[in-house]
Amino acid sequence: MYVGMALVYAAVALAVGSPLAMALLPAAILVIHRGVILREERYLERKFGDEYVAYRARVRRWL
C-alpha cells in the first residue's frame, strides 16, 4: 500500500512537471516510514504480541 502511494505521488509529480515535488519524494517516504509504518508496527505488536513479531520476521516491510 505504501509503495503504491509513493508511486502515485511520483507519477503525479511527473505528470504535472514538478521537479520540487520529485525532490520532496524522499521526505514524503521518510514521513510515511516514521510517522505511519513504525507507529503502526508498535500498535500491532502491543495488540498481537509474539504472533505479530513472528509475522513481521517473515514478511518484508515495503515489498
C-alpha atoms as a PDB file:
ATOM      1  CA  MET A   1       0.000   0.000   0.000  1.00  0.00           C
ATOM      2  CA  TYR A   2       2.750   2.443   0.944  1.00  0.00           C
ATOM      3  CA  VAL A   3       4.795   1.635  -2.148  1.00  0.00           C
ATOM      4  CA  GLY A   4       1.674   2.314  -4.203  1.00  0.00           C
ATOM      5  CA  MET A   5       1.182   5.681  -2.539  1.00  0.00           C
ATOM      6  CA  ALA A   6       4.806   6.626  -3.233  1.00  0.00           C
ATOM      7  CA  LEU A   7       4.449   5.576  -6.878  1.00  0.00           C
ATOM      8  CA  VAL A   8       1.247   7.586  -7.292  1.00  0.00           C
ATOM      9  CA  TYR A   9       2.960  10.612  -5.720  1.00  0.00           C
ATOM     10  CA  ALA A  10       5.871  10.259  -8.155  1.00  0.00           C
ATOM     11  CA  ALA A  11       3.523   9.796 -11.120  1.00  0.00           C
ATOM     12  CA  VAL A  12       1.510  12.898 -10.252  1.00  0.00           C
ATOM     13  CA  ALA A  13       4.699  14.911  -9.739  1.00  0.00           C
ATOM     14  CA  LEU A  14       5.947  13.809 -13.158  1.00  0.00           C
ATOM     15  CA  ALA A  15       2.568  14.404 -14.800  1.00  0.00           C
ATOM     16  CA  VAL A  16       2.378  17.992 -13.595  1.00  0.00           C
ATOM     17  CA  GLY A  17       6.066  18.548 -14.292  1.00  0.00           C
ATOM     18  CA  SER A  18       7.036  19.473 -10.749  1.00  0.00           C
ATOM     19  CA  PRO A  19      10.726  18.952 -10.016  1.00  0.00           C
ATOM     20  CA  LEU A  20      10.140  20.281  -6.491  1.00  0.00           C
ATOM     21  CA  ALA A  21       7.583  17.552  -5.793  1.00  0.00           C
ATOM     22  CA  MET A  22      10.017  14.929  -7.100  1.00  0.00           C
ATOM     23  CA  ALA A  23      12.765  16.367  -4.921  1.00  0.00           C
ATOM     24  CA  LEU A  24      10.446  16.089  -1.914  1.00  0.00           C
ATOM     25  CA  LEU A  25       9.593  12.433  -2.600  1.00  0.00           C
ATOM     26  CA  PRO A  26      12.340  11.086  -0.284  1.00  0.00           C
ATOM     27  CA  ALA A  27      10.989  13.304   2.506  1.00  0.00           C
ATOM     28  CA  ALA A  28       7.462  12.007   1.868  1.00  0.00           C
ATOM     29  CA  ILE A  29       8.706   8.429   2.071  1.00  0.00           C
ATOM     30  CA  LEU A  30      10.529   9.208   5.321  1.00  0.00           C
ATOM     31  CA  VAL A  31       7.357  10.711   6.793  1.00  0.00           C
ATOM     32  CA  ILE A  32       5.370   7.626   5.777  1.00  0.00           C
ATOM     33  CA  HIS A  33       8.013   5.346   7.281  1.00  0.00           C
ATOM     34  CA  ARG A  34       8.467   7.147  10.589  1.00  0.00           C
ATOM     35  CA  GLY A  35       5.047   8.690  11.031  1.00  0.00           C
ATOM     36  CA  VAL A  36       2.889   5.807   9.875  1.00  0.00           C
ATOM     37  CA  ILE A  37       4.669   2.477   9.474  1.00  0.00           C
ATOM     38  CA  LEU A  38       6.725   2.468  12.679  1.00  0.00           C
ATOM     39  CA  ARG A  39       3.729   3.671  14.715  1.00  0.00           C
ATOM     40  CA  GLU A  40       1.508   1.052  13.167  1.00  0.00           C
ATOM     41  CA  GLU A  41       4.051  -1.675  13.907  1.00  0.00           C
ATOM     42  CA  ARG A  42       4.282  -0.653  17.577  1.00  0.00           C
ATOM     43  CA  TYR A  43       0.495  -0.722  17.853  1.00  0.00           C
ATOM     44  CA  LEU A  44       0.223  -4.136  16.193  1.00  0.00           C
ATOM     45  CA  GLU A  45       2.970  -5.549  18.405  1.00  0.00           C
ATOM     46  CA  ARG A  46       1.118  -4.367  21.523  1.00  0.00           C
ATOM     47  CA  LYS A  47      -2.166  -5.743  20.229  1.00  0.00           C
ATOM     48  CA  PHE A  48      -0.996  -9.132  18.894  1.00  0.00           C
ATOM     49  CA  GLY A  49       2.306  -9.718  20.747  1.00  0.00           C
ATOM     50  CA  ASP A  50       4.559 -12.573  19.718  1.00  0.00           C
ATOM     51  CA  GLU A  51       2.277 -13.635  16.880  1.00  0.00           C
ATOM     52  CA  TYR A  52       2.822 -10.276  15.166  1.00  0.00           C
ATOM     53  CA  VAL A  53       6.568 -10.327  15.882  1.00  0.00           C
ATOM     54  CA  ALA A  54       6.794 -13.737  14.161  1.00  0.00           C
ATOM     55  CA  TYR A  55       4.730 -12.435  11.230  1.00  0.00           C
ATOM     56  CA  ARG A  56       6.906  -9.334  10.877  1.00  0.00           C
ATOM     57  CA  ALA A  57      10.028 -11.525  10.817  1.00  0.00           C
ATOM     58  CA  ARG A  58       8.594 -13.459   7.832  1.00  0.00           C
ATOM     59  CA  VAL A  59       7.215 -10.544   5.809  1.00  0.00           C
ATOM     60  CA  ARG A  60       9.118  -7.671   4.233  1.00  0.00           C
ATOM     61  CA  ARG A  61       8.060  -4.179   5.254  1.00  0.00           C
ATOM     62  CA  TRP A  62       7.846  -2.355   1.918  1.00  0.00           C
ATOM     63  CA  LEU A  63       7.589  -5.123  -0.679  1.00  0.00           C
END
